[in-house]
Amino acid sequence: MSTTLYRDTGRAIPSVAADNAAGADNAANIVTYAAVAARKHYLYGIFWAYDADLTAVGKITVEDVSGTVVFGPLPITAAGPGFLPFDPPIVSSAVNTAMIVTLATGGAAVQGVLSCRHEVK
């Protein structure tokens, strides 16, 4: 398990398997956090990478409350890694709602990887 320290919390946020998604060529990567009763999702950062030159413009989108876009779409136009910190974090607009983070396909023969730093409280 890896950790990253965030100023907003003053502590490390651990990374667990549910925070990561890696897909096949020409496929989106999606991390879905299920609704939790009486709790909200806190998204502190997004890491991503594409393994080859993009043949389509990639993008990152964060959705909350059944499809409401709360961040993005942020266009990504180059291969390689990237990191987007949120300080303060993106917080669910209501308790008991899902949060979905999507890294869109980068095009044919391009694989993406998505990793989020997240907690529920």
PDB file of N, CA and C in Angstrom:
ATOM      1  N   MET A   1       0.857  -1.172   0.000  1.00  0.00           N
ATOM      2  CA  MET A   1       0.000   0.000   0.000  1.00  0.00           C
ATOM      3  C   MET A   1       0.897   1.226   0.000  1.00  0.00           C
ATOM      4  N   SER A   2       0.635   2.162  -0.890  1.00  0.00           N
ATOM      5  CA  SER A   2       1.390   3.409  -0.926  1.00  0.00           C
ATOM      6  C   SER A   2       0.564   4.519  -0.283  1.00  0.00           C
ATOM      7  N   THR A   3       1.244   5.585   0.095  1.00  0.00           N
ATOM      8  CA  THR A   3       0.547   6.715   0.704  1.00  0.00           C
ATOM      9  C   THR A   3       1.076   8.012   0.115  1.00  0.00           C
ATOM     10  N   THR A   4       0.272   9.040   0.185  1.00  0.00           N
ATOM     11  CA  THR A   4       0.654  10.380  -0.225  1.00  0.00           C
ATOM     12  C   THR A   4       0.151  11.333   0.851  1.00  0.00           C
ATOM     13  N   LEU A   5       1.007  12.257   1.300  1.00  0.00           N
ATOM     14  CA  LEU A   5       0.624  13.203   2.342  1.00  0.00           C
ATOM     15  C   LEU A   5      -0.098  14.388   1.722  1.00  0.00           C
ATOM     16  N   TYR A   6      -1.226  14.755   2.294  1.00  0.00           N
ATOM     17  CA  TYR A   6      -1.999  15.888   1.798  1.00  0.00           C
ATOM     18  C   TYR A   6      -2.112  16.961   2.864  1.00  0.00           C
ATOM     19  N   ARG A   7      -1.876  18.196   2.454  1.00  0.00           N
ATOM     20  CA  ARG A   7      -1.901  19.341   3.361  1.00  0.00           C
ATOM     21  C   ARG A   7      -3.259  19.497   4.026  1.00  0.00           C
ATOM     22  N   ASP A   8      -4.344  19.256   3.286  1.00  0.00           N
ATOM     23  CA  ASP A   8      -5.689  19.439   3.818  1.00  0.00           C
ATOM     24  C   ASP A   8      -5.951  18.564   5.041  1.00  0.00           C
ATOM     25  N   THR A   9      -5.362  17.361   5.051  1.00  0.00           N
ATOM     26  CA  THR A   9      -5.607  16.434   6.154  1.00  0.00           C
ATOM     27  C   THR A   9      -4.466  16.418   7.158  1.00  0.00           C
ATOM     28  N   GLY A  10      -3.268  16.811   6.726  1.00  0.00           N
ATOM     29  CA  GLY A  10      -2.110  16.742   7.601  1.00  0.00           C
ATOM     30  C   GLY A  10      -1.658  15.316   7.839  1.00  0.00           C
ATOM     31  N   ARG A  11      -2.154  14.378   7.036  1.00  0.00           N
ATOM     32  CA  ARG A  11      -1.793  12.977   7.203  1.00  0.00           C
ATOM     33  C   ARG A  11      -1.785  12.291   5.848  1.00  0.00           C
ATOM     34  N   ALA A  12      -1.258  11.108   5.805  1.00  0.00           N
ATOM     35  CA  ALA A  12      -1.195  10.351   4.562  1.00  0.00           C
ATOM     36  C   ALA A  12      -2.541   9.698   4.270  1.00  0.00           C
ATOM     37  N   ILE A  13      -2.904   9.660   2.998  1.00  0.00           N
ATOM     38  CA  ILE A  13      -4.110   8.973   2.543  1.00  0.00           C
ATOM     39  C   ILE A  13      -3.639   7.685   1.866  1.00  0.00           C
ATOM     40  N   PRO A  14      -3.957   6.517   2.402  1.00  0.00           N
ATOM     41  CA  PRO A  14      -3.475   5.274   1.798  1.00  0.00           C
ATOM     42  C   PRO A  14      -4.135   4.992   0.460  1.00  0.00           C
ATOM     43  N   SER A  15      -3.425   4.285  -0.387  1.00  0.00           N
ATOM     44  CA  SER A  15      -3.967   3.839  -1.664  1.00  0.00           C
ATOM     45  C   SER A  15      -4.338   2.367  -1.537  1.00  0.00           C
ATOM     46  N   VAL A  16      -5.555   2.031  -1.945  1.00  0.00           N
ATOM     47  CA  VAL A  16      -6.021   0.649  -1.918  1.00  0.00           C
ATOM     48  C   VAL A  16      -6.402   0.235  -3.337  1.00  0.00           C
ATOM     49  N   ALA A  17      -6.603  -1.045  -3.566  1.00  0.00           N
ATOM     50  CA  ALA A  17      -6.884  -1.552  -4.908  1.00  0.00           C
ATOM     51  C   ALA A  17      -8.067  -0.858  -5.565  1.00  0.00           C
ATOM     52  N   ALA A  18      -9.098  -0.514  -4.804  1.00  0.00           N
ATOM     53  CA  ALA A  18     -10.295   0.126  -5.365  1.00  0.00           C
ATOM     54  C   ALA A  18     -10.016   1.528  -5.906  1.00  0.00           C
ATOM     55  N   ASP A  19      -8.867   2.100  -5.593  1.00  0.00           N
ATOM     56  CA  ASP A  19      -8.496   3.430  -6.079  1.00  0.00           C
ATOM     57  C   ASP A  19      -7.851   3.411  -7.462  1.00  0.00           C
ATOM     58  N   ASN A  20      -7.680   2.238  -8.039  1.00  0.00           N
ATOM     59  CA  ASN A  20      -6.898   2.098  -9.265  1.00  0.00           C
ATOM     60  C   ASN A  20      -7.685   1.415 -10.373  1.00  0.00           C
ATOM     61  N   ALA A  21      -7.391   1.817 -11.611  1.00  0.00           N
ATOM     62  CA  ALA A  21      -7.992   1.163 -12.775  1.00  0.00           C
ATOM     63  C   ALA A  21      -6.985   1.188 -13.927  1.00  0.00           C
ATOM     64  N   ALA A  22      -6.843   0.062 -14.594  1.00  0.00           N
ATOM     65  CA  ALA A  22      -6.000  -0.032 -15.778  1.00  0.00           C
ATOM     66  C   ALA A  22      -6.779  -0.811 -16.825  1.00  0.00           C
ATOM     67  N   GLY A  23      -6.820  -0.283 -18.012  1.00  0.00           N
ATOM     68  CA  GLY A  23      -7.649  -0.898 -19.045  1.00  0.00           C
ATOM     69  C   GLY A  23      -6.859  -1.448 -20.204  1.00  0.00           C
ATOM     70  N   ALA A  24      -7.584  -1.845 -21.209  1.00  0.00           N
ATOM     71  CA  ALA A  24      -7.011  -2.355 -22.448  1.00  0.00           C
ATOM     72  C   ALA A  24      -6.895  -1.209 -23.448  1.00  0.00           C
ATOM     73  N   ASP A  25      -6.317  -1.522 -24.609  1.00  0.00           N
ATOM     74  CA  ASP A  25      -6.232  -0.531 -25.680  1.00  0.00           C
ATOM     75  C   ASP A  25      -7.609   0.049 -25.988  1.00  0.00           C
ATOM     76  N   ASN A  26      -7.649   1.353 -26.199  1.00  0.00           N
ATOM     77  CA  ASN A  26      -8.858   2.052 -26.635  1.00  0.00           C
ATOM     78  C   ASN A  26     -10.034   1.859 -25.675  1.00  0.00           C
ATOM     79  N   ALA A  27      -9.742   1.836 -24.374  1.00  0.00           N
ATOM     80  CA  ALA A  27     -10.798   1.664 -23.373  1.00  0.00           C
ATOM     81  C   ALA A  27     -10.651   2.709 -22.278  1.00  0.00           C
ATOM     82  N   ALA A  28     -11.771   3.163 -21.748  1.00  0.00           N
ATOM     83  CA  ALA A  28     -11.759   4.110 -20.624  1.00  0.00           C
ATOM     84  C   ALA A  28     -11.364   3.377 -19.350  1.00  0.00           C
ATOM     85  N   ASN A  29     -10.805   4.117 -18.412  1.00  0.00           N
ATOM     86  CA  ASN A  29     -10.505   3.602 -17.074  1.00  0.00           C
ATOM     87  C   ASN A  29     -11.435   4.307 -16.111  1.00  0.00           C
ATOM     88  N   ILE A  30     -12.121   3.542 -15.276  1.00  0.00           N
ATOM     89  CA  ILE A  30     -13.136   4.113 -14.393  1.00  0.00           C
ATOM     90  C   ILE A  30     -12.937   3.601 -12.975  1.00  0.00           C
ATOM     91  N   VAL A  31     -12.886   4.541 -12.036  1.00  0.00           N
ATOM     92  CA  VAL A  31     -12.885   4.215 -10.608  1.00  0.00           C
ATOM     93  C   VAL A  31     -14.223   4.678 -10.058  1.00  0.00           C
ATOM     94  N   THR A  32     -14.988   3.741  -9.489  1.00  0.00           N
ATOM     95  CA  THR A  32     -16.308   4.055  -8.947  1.00  0.00           C
ATOM     96  C   THR A  32     -16.304   3.821  -7.445  1.00  0.00           C
ATOM     97  N   TYR A  33     -16.681   4.849  -6.718  1.00  0.00           N
ATOM     98  CA  TYR A  33     -16.843   4.740  -5.268  1.00  0.00           C
ATOM     99  C   TYR A  33     -18.326   4.670  -4.972  1.00  0.00           C
ATOM    100  N   ALA A  34     -18.752   3.566  -4.405  1.00  0.00           N
ATOM    101  CA  ALA A  34     -20.175   3.356  -4.106  1.00  0.00           C
ATOM    102  C   ALA A  34     -20.645   4.305  -3.010  1.00  0.00           C
ATOM    103  N   ALA A  35     -21.937   4.568  -3.017  1.00  0.00           N
ATOM    104  CA  ALA A  35     -22.539   5.399  -1.972  1.00  0.00           C
ATOM    105  C   ALA A  35     -22.347   4.725  -0.616  1.00  0.00           C
ATOM    106  N   VAL A  36     -22.105   5.539   0.403  1.00  0.00           N
ATOM    107  CA  VAL A  36     -21.946   5.046   1.773  1.00  0.00           C
ATOM    108  C   VAL A  36     -22.925   5.819   2.647  1.00  0.00           C
ATOM    109  N   ALA A  37     -23.757   5.100   3.383  1.00  0.00           N
ATOM    110  CA  ALA A  37     -24.786   5.731   4.207  1.00  0.00           C
ATOM    111  C   ALA A  37     -24.172   6.733   5.182  1.00  0.00           C
ATOM    112  N   ALA A  38     -24.743   7.928   5.218  1.00  0.00           N
ATOM    113  CA  ALA A  38     -24.369   8.992   6.150  1.00  0.00           C
ATOM    114  C   ALA A  38     -22.918   9.456   5.998  1.00  0.00           C
ATOM    115  N   ARG A  39     -22.284   9.190   4.854  1.00  0.00           N
ATOM    116  CA  ARG A  39     -20.897   9.593   4.618  1.00  0.00           C
ATOM    117  C   ARG A  39     -20.757  10.286   3.268  1.00  0.00           C
ATOM    118  N   LYS A  40     -19.672  11.070   3.127  1.00  0.00           N
ATOM    119  CA  LYS A  40     -19.339  11.732   1.873  1.00  0.00           C
ATOM    120  C   LYS A  40     -17.983  11.229   1.378  1.00  0.00           C
ATOM    121  N   HIS A  41     -17.772  11.336   0.062  1.00  0.00           N
ATOM    122  CA  HIS A  41     -16.496  11.005  -0.556  1.00  0.00           C
ATOM    123  C   HIS A  41     -15.627  12.261  -0.607  1.00  0.00           C
ATOM    124  N   TYR A  42     -14.324  12.085  -0.358  1.00  0.00           N
ATOM    125  CA  TYR A  42     -13.337  13.160  -0.440  1.00  0.00           C
ATOM    126  C   TYR A  42     -12.260  12.711  -1.426  1.00  0.00           C
ATOM    127  N   LEU A  43     -12.106  13.451  -2.520  1.00  0.00           N
ATOM    128  CA  LEU A  43     -11.126  13.122  -3.550  1.00  0.00           C
ATOM    129  C   LEU A  43      -9.977  14.119  -3.449  1.00  0.00           C
ATOM    130  N   TYR A  44      -8.776  13.612  -3.121  1.00  0.00           N
ATOM    131  CA  TYR A  44      -7.614  14.466  -2.875  1.00  0.00           C
ATOM    132  C   TYR A  44      -6.681  14.594  -4.068  1.00  0.00           C
ATOM    133  N   GLY A  45      -6.736  13.633  -4.987  1.00  0.00           N
ATOM    134  CA  GLY A  45      -5.843  13.721  -6.130  1.00  0.00           C
ATOM    135  C   GLY A  45      -6.102  12.621  -7.134  1.00  0.00           C
ATOM    136  N   ILE A  46      -5.683  12.890  -8.375  1.00  0.00           N
ATOM    137  CA  ILE A  46      -5.809  11.925  -9.462  1.00  0.00           C
ATOM    138  C   ILE A  46      -4.455  11.816 -10.154  1.00  0.00           C
ATOM    139  N   PHE A  47      -3.972  10.589 -10.285  1.00  0.00           N
ATOM    140  CA  PHE A  47      -2.780  10.284 -11.067  1.00  0.00           C
ATOM    141  C   PHE A  47      -3.251   9.572 -12.326  1.00  0.00           C
ATOM    142  N   TRP A  48      -2.600   9.835 -13.463  1.00  0.00           N
ATOM    143  CA  TRP A  48      -2.965   9.124 -14.691  1.00  0.00           C
ATOM    144  C   TRP A  48      -1.739   8.989 -15.571  1.00  0.00           C
ATOM    145  N   ALA A  49      -1.834   8.083 -16.536  1.00  0.00           N
ATOM    146  CA  ALA A  49      -0.797   7.937 -17.551  1.00  0.00           C
ATOM    147  C   ALA A  49      -1.395   7.266 -18.774  1.00  0.00           C
ATOM    148  N   TYR A  50      -0.879   7.640 -19.936  1.00  0.00           N
ATOM    149  CA  TYR A  50      -1.152   6.947 -21.187  1.00  0.00           C
ATOM    150  C   TYR A  50       0.178   6.391 -21.680  1.00  0.00           C
ATOM    151  N   ASP A  51       0.162   5.190 -22.250  1.00  0.00           N
ATOM    152  CA  ASP A  51       1.414   4.516 -22.608  1.00  0.00           C
ATOM    153  C   ASP A  51       1.942   4.826 -24.004  1.00  0.00           C
ATOM    154  N   ALA A  52       1.219   5.601 -24.788  1.00  0.00           N
ATOM    155  CA  ALA A  52       1.654   5.914 -26.161  1.00  0.00           C
ATOM    156  C   ALA A  52       1.064   7.256 -26.582  1.00  0.00           C
ATOM    157  N   ASP A  53       1.544   7.761 -27.698  1.00  0.00           N
ATOM    158  CA  ASP A  53       0.984   9.015 -28.218  1.00  0.00           C
ATOM    159  C   ASP A  53      -0.511   8.848 -28.444  1.00  0.00           C
ATOM    160  N   LEU A  54      -1.269   9.823 -28.010  1.00  0.00           N
ATOM    161  CA  LEU A  54      -2.719   9.734 -28.100  1.00  0.00           C
ATOM    162  C   LEU A  54      -3.195   9.909 -29.529  1.00  0.00           C
ATOM    163  N   THR A  55      -4.161   9.082 -29.922  1.00  0.00           N
ATOM    164  CA  THR A  55      -4.786   9.222 -31.238  1.00  0.00           C
ATOM    165  C   THR A  55      -6.163   9.864 -31.097  1.00  0.00           C
ATOM    166  N   ALA A  56      -6.567  10.128 -29.849  1.00  0.00           N
ATOM    167  CA  ALA A  56      -7.795  10.867 -29.534  1.00  0.00           C
ATOM    168  C   ALA A  56      -7.489  11.687 -28.291  1.00  0.00           C
ATOM    169  N   VAL A  57      -8.164  12.800 -28.116  1.00  0.00           N
ATOM    170  CA  VAL A  57      -7.930  13.616 -26.927  1.00  0.00           C
ATOM    171  C   VAL A  57      -8.507  12.890 -25.718  1.00  0.00           C
ATOM    172  N   GLY A  58      -7.656  12.593 -24.748  1.00  0.00           N
ATOM    173  CA  GLY A  58      -8.109  11.977 -23.509  1.00  0.00           C
ATOM    174  C   GLY A  58      -8.716  13.036 -22.615  1.00  0.00           C
ATOM    175  N   LYS A  59      -9.384  12.611 -21.568  1.00  0.00           N
ATOM    176  CA  LYS A  59      -9.931  13.584 -20.622  1.00  0.00           C
ATOM    177  C   LYS A  59     -10.229  12.900 -19.298  1.00  0.00           C
ATOM    178  N   ILE A  60     -10.245  13.715 -18.250  1.00  0.00           N
ATOM    179  CA  ILE A  60     -10.603  13.259 -16.913  1.00  0.00           C
ATOM    180  C   ILE A  60     -11.889  13.961 -16.514  1.00  0.00           C
ATOM    181  N   THR A  61     -12.815  13.179 -15.960  1.00  0.00           N
ATOM    182  CA  THR A  61     -14.090  13.703 -15.490  1.00  0.00           C
ATOM    183  C   THR A  61     -14.392  13.096 -14.130  1.00  0.00           C
ATOM    184  N   VAL A  62     -14.925  13.913 -13.218  1.00  0.00           N
ATOM    185  CA  VAL A  62     -15.395  13.429 -11.919  1.00  0.00           C
ATOM    186  C   VAL A  62     -16.887  13.714 -11.844  1.00  0.00           C
ATOM    187  N   GLU A  63     -17.655  12.665 -11.541  1.00  0.00           N
ATOM    188  CA  GLU A  63     -19.107  12.788 -11.443  1.00  0.00           C
ATOM    189  C   GLU A  63     -19.563  12.467 -10.028  1.00  0.00           C
ATOM    190  N   ASP A  64     -20.661  13.100  -9.645  1.00  0.00           N
ATOM    191  CA  ASP A  64     -21.245  12.926  -8.325  1.00  0.00           C
ATOM    192  C   ASP A  64     -22.769  12.941  -8.476  1.00  0.00           C
ATOM    193  N   VAL A  65     -23.457  12.344  -7.565  1.00  0.00           N
ATOM    194  CA  VAL A  65     -24.917  12.355  -7.543  1.00  0.00           C
ATOM    195  C   VAL A  65     -25.495  11.885  -8.881  1.00  0.00           C
ATOM    196  N   SER A  66     -25.192  10.661  -9.229  1.00  0.00           N
ATOM    197  CA  SER A  66     -25.779  10.023 -10.411  1.00  0.00           C
ATOM    198  C   SER A  66     -25.574  10.790 -11.712  1.00  0.00           C
ATOM    199  N   GLY A  67     -24.334  11.104 -12.025  1.00  0.00           N
ATOM    200  CA  GLY A  67     -24.038  11.670 -13.329  1.00  0.00           C
ATOM    201  C   GLY A  67     -23.829  13.164 -13.399  1.00  0.00           C
ATOM    202  N   THR A  68     -23.897  13.874 -12.296  1.00  0.00           N
ATOM    203  CA  THR A  68     -23.619  15.312 -12.298  1.00  0.00           C
ATOM    204  C   THR A  68     -22.111  15.522 -12.336  1.00  0.00           C
ATOM    205  N   VAL A  69     -21.606  16.192 -13.357  1.00  0.00           N
ATOM    206  CA  VAL A  69     -20.169  16.438 -13.484  1.00  0.00           C
ATOM    207  C   VAL A  69     -19.769  17.527 -12.490  1.00  0.00           C
ATOM    208  N   VAL A  70     -18.833  17.194 -11.592  1.00  0.00           N
ATOM    209  CA  VAL A  70     -18.359  18.163 -10.597  1.00  0.00           C
ATOM    210  C   VAL A  70     -16.944  18.647 -10.906  1.00  0.00           C
ATOM    211  N   PHE A  71     -16.266  17.971 -11.849  1.00  0.00           N
ATOM    212  CA  PHE A  71     -14.956  18.420 -12.313  1.00  0.00           C
ATOM    213  C   PHE A  71     -14.749  17.907 -13.733  1.00  0.00           C
ATOM    214  N   GLY A  72     -14.293  18.798 -14.608  1.00  0.00           N
ATOM    215  CA  GLY A  72     -13.962  18.393 -15.959  1.00  0.00           C
ATOM    216  C   GLY A  72     -15.115  18.617 -16.916  1.00  0.00           C
ATOM    217  N   PRO A  73     -14.955  18.116 -18.088  1.00  0.00           N
ATOM    218  CA  PRO A  73     -13.834  17.281 -18.519  1.00  0.00           C
ATOM    219  C   PRO A  73     -12.552  18.090 -18.730  1.00  0.00           C
ATOM    220  N   LEU A  74     -11.454  17.555 -18.239  1.00  0.00           N
ATOM    221  CA  LEU A  74     -10.134  18.150 -18.392  1.00  0.00           C
ATOM    222  C   LEU A  74      -9.435  17.454 -19.551  1.00  0.00           C
ATOM    223  N   PRO A  75      -9.152  18.152 -20.654  1.00  0.00           N
ATOM    224  CA  PRO A  75      -8.502  17.504 -21.795  1.00  0.00           C
ATOM    225  C   PRO A  75      -7.060  17.124 -21.479  1.00  0.00           C
ATOM    226  N   ILE A  76      -6.652  15.970 -21.986  1.00  0.00           N
ATOM    227  CA  ILE A  76      -5.273  15.498 -21.883  1.00  0.00           C
ATOM    228  C   ILE A  76      -4.814  15.231 -23.307  1.00  0.00           C
ATOM    229  N   THR A  77      -3.709  15.845 -23.711  1.00  0.00           N
ATOM    230  CA  THR A  77      -3.305  15.787 -25.119  1.00  0.00           C
ATOM    231  C   THR A  77      -1.973  15.097 -25.357  1.00  0.00           C
ATOM    232  N   ALA A  78      -1.315  14.608 -24.302  1.00  0.00           N
ATOM    233  CA  ALA A  78      -0.009  13.981 -24.483  1.00  0.00           C
ATOM    234  C   ALA A  78       0.103  12.698 -23.678  1.00  0.00           C
ATOM    235  N   ALA A  79       0.948  11.805 -24.168  1.00  0.00           N
ATOM    236  CA  ALA A  79       1.224  10.558 -23.457  1.00  0.00           C
ATOM    237  C   ALA A  79       2.032  10.851 -22.198  1.00  0.00           C
ATOM    238  N   GLY A  80       2.146   9.842 -21.355  1.00  0.00           N
ATOM    239  CA  GLY A  80       2.953   9.958 -20.154  1.00  0.00           C
ATOM    240  C   GLY A  80       2.113  10.190 -18.926  1.00  0.00           C
ATOM    241  N   PRO A  81       2.783  10.387 -17.783  1.00  0.00           N
ATOM    242  CA  PRO A  81       2.077  10.523 -16.514  1.00  0.00           C
ATOM    243  C   PRO A  81       1.646  11.954 -16.226  1.00  0.00           C
ATOM    244  N   GLY A  82       0.674  12.064 -15.332  1.00  0.00           N
ATOM    245  CA  GLY A  82       0.222  13.362 -14.848  1.00  0.00           C
ATOM    246  C   GLY A  82      -0.382  13.209 -13.467  1.00  0.00           C
ATOM    247  N   PHE A  83      -0.441  14.303 -12.740  1.00  0.00           N
ATOM    248  CA  PHE A  83      -1.012  14.307 -11.398  1.00  0.00           C
ATOM    249  C   PHE A  83      -1.785  15.595 -11.210  1.00  0.00           C
ATOM    250  N   LEU A  84      -2.952  15.476 -10.621  1.00  0.00           N
ATOM    251  CA  LEU A  84      -3.802  16.618 -10.363  1.00  0.00           C
ATOM    252  C   LEU A  84      -4.221  16.590  -8.893  1.00  0.00           C
ATOM    253  N   PRO A  85      -3.631  17.448  -8.043  1.00  0.00           N
ATOM    254  CA  PRO A  85      -4.029  17.482  -6.633  1.00  0.00           C
ATOM    255  C   PRO A  85      -5.245  18.390  -6.426  1.00  0.00           C
ATOM    256  N   PHE A  86      -6.058  18.060  -5.463  1.00  0.00           N
ATOM    257  CA  PHE A  86      -7.196  18.897  -5.078  1.00  0.00           C
ATOM    258  C   PHE A  86      -7.017  19.281  -3.613  1.00  0.00           C
ATOM    259  N   ASP A  87      -6.738  20.545  -3.374  1.00  0.00           N
ATOM    260  CA  ASP A  87      -6.525  21.036  -2.016  1.00  0.00           C
ATOM    261  C   ASP A  87      -7.172  22.406  -1.896  1.00  0.00           C
ATOM    262  N   PRO A  88      -8.407  22.478  -1.434  1.00  0.00           N
ATOM    263  CA  PRO A  88      -9.151  21.450  -0.721  1.00  0.00           C
ATOM    264  C   PRO A  88      -9.648  20.354  -1.666  1.00  0.00           C
ATOM    265  N   PRO A  89     -10.020  19.211  -1.102  1.00  0.00           N
ATOM    266  CA  PRO A  89     -10.479  18.096  -1.927  1.00  0.00           C
ATOM    267  C   PRO A  89     -11.838  18.365  -2.569  1.00  0.00           C
ATOM    268  N   ILE A  90     -12.128  17.573  -3.613  1.00  0.00           N
ATOM    269  CA  ILE A  90     -13.490  17.546  -4.152  1.00  0.00           C
ATOM    270  C   ILE A  90     -14.315  16.701  -3.190  1.00  0.00           C
ATOM    271  N   VAL A  91     -15.430  17.237  -2.722  1.00  0.00           N
ATOM    272  CA  VAL A  91     -16.266  16.551  -1.724  1.00  0.00           C
ATOM    273  C   VAL A  91     -17.640  16.296  -2.319  1.00  0.00           C
ATOM    274  N   SER A  92     -18.190  15.113  -2.050  1.00  0.00           N
ATOM    275  CA  SER A  92     -19.550  14.806  -2.494  1.00  0.00           C
ATOM    276  C   SER A  92     -20.487  15.921  -2.079  1.00  0.00           C
ATOM    277  N   SER A  93     -21.442  16.218  -2.929  1.00  0.00           N
ATOM    278  CA  SER A  93     -22.388  17.286  -2.618  1.00  0.00           C
ATOM    279  C   SER A  93     -23.442  16.848  -1.611  1.00  0.00           C
ATOM    280  N   ALA A  94     -23.577  15.545  -1.408  1.00  0.00           N
ATOM    281  CA  ALA A  94     -24.558  15.029  -0.451  1.00  0.00           C
ATOM    282  C   ALA A  94     -24.052  13.709   0.119  1.00  0.00           C
ATOM    283  N   VAL A  95     -24.530  13.343   1.288  1.00  0.00           N
ATOM    284  CA  VAL A  95     -24.197  12.036   1.847  1.00  0.00           C
ATOM    285  C   VAL A  95     -24.911  10.953   1.040  1.00  0.00           C
ATOM    286  N   ASN A  96     -24.392   9.753   1.143  1.00  0.00           N
ATOM    287  CA  ASN A  96     -25.006   8.586   0.515  1.00  0.00           C
ATOM    288  C   ASN A  96     -25.110   8.721  -1.011  1.00  0.00           C
ATOM    289  N   THR A  97     -24.047   9.235  -1.648  1.00  0.00           N
ATOM    290  CA  THR A  97     -24.003   9.313  -3.107  1.00  0.00           C
ATOM    291  C   THR A  97     -22.699   8.701  -3.613  1.00  0.00           C
ATOM    292  N   ALA A  98     -22.740   8.172  -4.809  1.00  0.00           N
ATOM    293  CA  ALA A  98     -21.549   7.600  -5.434  1.00  0.00           C
ATOM    294  C   ALA A  98     -20.679   8.703  -6.021  1.00  0.00           C
ATOM    295  N   MET A  99     -19.413   8.384  -6.268  1.00  0.00           N
ATOM    296  CA  MET A  99     -18.499   9.273  -6.985  1.00  0.00           C
ATOM    297  C   MET A  99     -17.806   8.433  -8.046  1.00  0.00           C
ATOM    298  N   ILE A 100     -17.710   8.964  -9.269  1.00  0.00           N
ATOM    299  CA  ILE A 100     -17.128   8.232 -10.390  1.00  0.00           C
ATOM    300  C   ILE A 100     -16.033   9.086 -11.017  1.00  0.00           C
ATOM    301  N   VAL A 101     -14.835   8.516 -11.142  1.00  0.00           N
ATOM    302  CA  VAL A 101     -13.708   9.193 -11.781  1.00  0.00           C
ATOM    303  C   VAL A 101     -13.404   8.435 -13.069  1.00  0.00           C
ATOM    304  N   THR A 102     -13.366   9.152 -14.201  1.00  0.00           N
ATOM    305  CA  THR A 102     -13.165   8.508 -15.496  1.00  0.00           C
ATOM    306  C   THR A 102     -11.977   9.120 -16.223  1.00  0.00           C
ATOM    307  N   LEU A 103     -11.097   8.254 -16.705  1.00  0.00           N
ATOM    308  CA  LEU A 103     -10.041   8.637 -17.640  1.00  0.00           C
ATOM    309  C   LEU A 103     -10.479   8.082 -18.990  1.00  0.00           C
ATOM    310  N   ALA A 104     -10.848   8.962 -19.900  1.00  0.00           N
ATOM    311  CA  ALA A 104     -11.353   8.532 -21.209  1.00  0.00           C
ATOM    312  C   ALA A 104     -10.242   7.884 -22.024  1.00  0.00           C
ATOM    313  N   THR A 105     -10.647   7.127 -23.013  1.00  0.00           N
ATOM    314  CA  THR A 105      -9.682   6.480 -23.897  1.00  0.00           C
ATOM    315  C   THR A 105      -8.780   7.506 -24.579  1.00  0.00           C
ATOM    316  N   GLY A 106      -7.541   7.096 -24.799  1.00  0.00           N
ATOM    317  CA  GLY A 106      -6.609   7.937 -25.542  1.00  0.00           C
ATOM    318  C   GLY A 106      -6.570   7.589 -27.015  1.00  0.00           C
ATOM    319  N   GLY A 107      -7.415   6.625 -27.410  1.00  0.00           N
ATOM    320  CA  GLY A 107      -7.498   6.237 -28.812  1.00  0.00           C
ATOM    321  C   GLY A 107      -7.004   4.819 -29.048  1.00  0.00           C
ATOM    322  N   ALA A 108      -7.023   4.413 -30.310  1.00  0.00           N
ATOM    323  CA  ALA A 108      -6.607   3.062 -30.690  1.00  0.00           C
ATOM    324  C   ALA A 108      -5.158   2.810 -30.292  1.00  0.00           C
ATOM    325  N   ALA A 109      -4.873   1.625 -29.793  1.00  0.00           N
ATOM    326  CA  ALA A 109      -3.530   1.185 -29.397  1.00  0.00           C
ATOM    327  C   ALA A 109      -2.936   2.020 -28.258  1.00  0.00           C
ATOM    328  N   VAL A 110      -3.770   2.680 -27.480  1.00  0.00           N
ATOM    329  CA  VAL A 110      -3.313   3.462 -26.330  1.00  0.00           C
ATOM    330  C   VAL A 110      -3.982   2.912 -25.075  1.00  0.00           C
ATOM    331  N   GLN A 111      -3.163   2.593 -24.058  1.00  0.00           N
ATOM    332  CA  GLN A 111      -3.689   2.130 -22.779  1.00  0.00           C
ATOM    333  C   GLN A 111      -3.500   3.217 -21.736  1.00  0.00           C
ATOM    334  N   GLY A 112      -4.491   3.385 -20.880  1.00  0.00           N
ATOM    335  CA  GLY A 112      -4.406   4.352 -19.803  1.00  0.00           C
ATOM    336  C   GLY A 112      -4.374   3.669 -18.453  1.00  0.00           C
ATOM    337  N   VAL A 113      -3.892   4.398 -17.463  1.00  0.00           N
ATOM    338  CA  VAL A 113      -3.887   3.954 -16.080  1.00  0.00           C
ATOM    339  C   VAL A 113      -4.396   5.109 -15.235  1.00  0.00           C
ATOM    340  N   LEU A 114      -5.238   4.801 -14.264  1.00  0.00           N
ATOM    341  CA  LEU A 114      -5.849   5.812 -13.404  1.00  0.00           C
ATOM    342  C   LEU A 114      -5.693   5.398 -11.950  1.00  0.00           C
ATOM    343  N   SER A 115      -5.293   6.331 -11.104  1.00  0.00           N
ATOM    344  CA  SER A 115      -5.174   6.082  -9.671  1.00  0.00           C
ATOM    345  C   SER A 115      -5.644   7.310  -8.918  1.00  0.00           C
ATOM    346  N   CYS A 116      -6.456   7.103  -7.906  1.00  0.00           N
ATOM    347  CA  CYS A 116      -7.033   8.214  -7.136  1.00  0.00           C
ATOM    348  C   CYS A 116      -6.620   8.126  -5.676  1.00  0.00           C
ATOM    349  N   ARG A 117      -6.595   9.270  -5.019  1.00  0.00           N
ATOM    350  CA  ARG A 117      -6.424   9.324  -3.567  1.00  0.00           C
ATOM    351  C   ARG A 117      -7.749   9.797  -3.008  1.00  0.00           C
ATOM    352  N   HIS A 118      -8.349   8.972  -2.173  1.00  0.00           N
ATOM    353  CA  HIS A 118      -9.742   9.145  -1.788  1.00  0.00           C
ATOM    354  C   HIS A 118      -9.957   8.598  -0.382  1.00  0.00           C
ATOM    355  N   GLU A 119     -10.927   9.163   0.299  1.00  0.00           N
ATOM    356  CA  GLU A 119     -11.397   8.575   1.554  1.00  0.00           C
ATOM    357  C   GLU A 119     -12.864   8.923   1.751  1.00  0.00           C
ATOM    358  N   VAL A 120     -13.496   8.187   2.652  1.00  0.00           N
ATOM    359  CA  VAL A 120     -14.901   8.412   3.011  1.00  0.00           C
ATOM    360  C   VAL A 120     -14.910   8.845   4.459  1.00  0.00           C
ATOM    361  N   LYS A 121     -15.666   9.924   4.722  1.00  0.00           N
ATOM    362  CA  LYS A 121     -15.807  10.335   6.130  1.00  0.00           C
ATOM    363  C   LYS A 121     -17.077  11.119   6.300  1.00  0.00           C
TER     364      LYS A 121
END
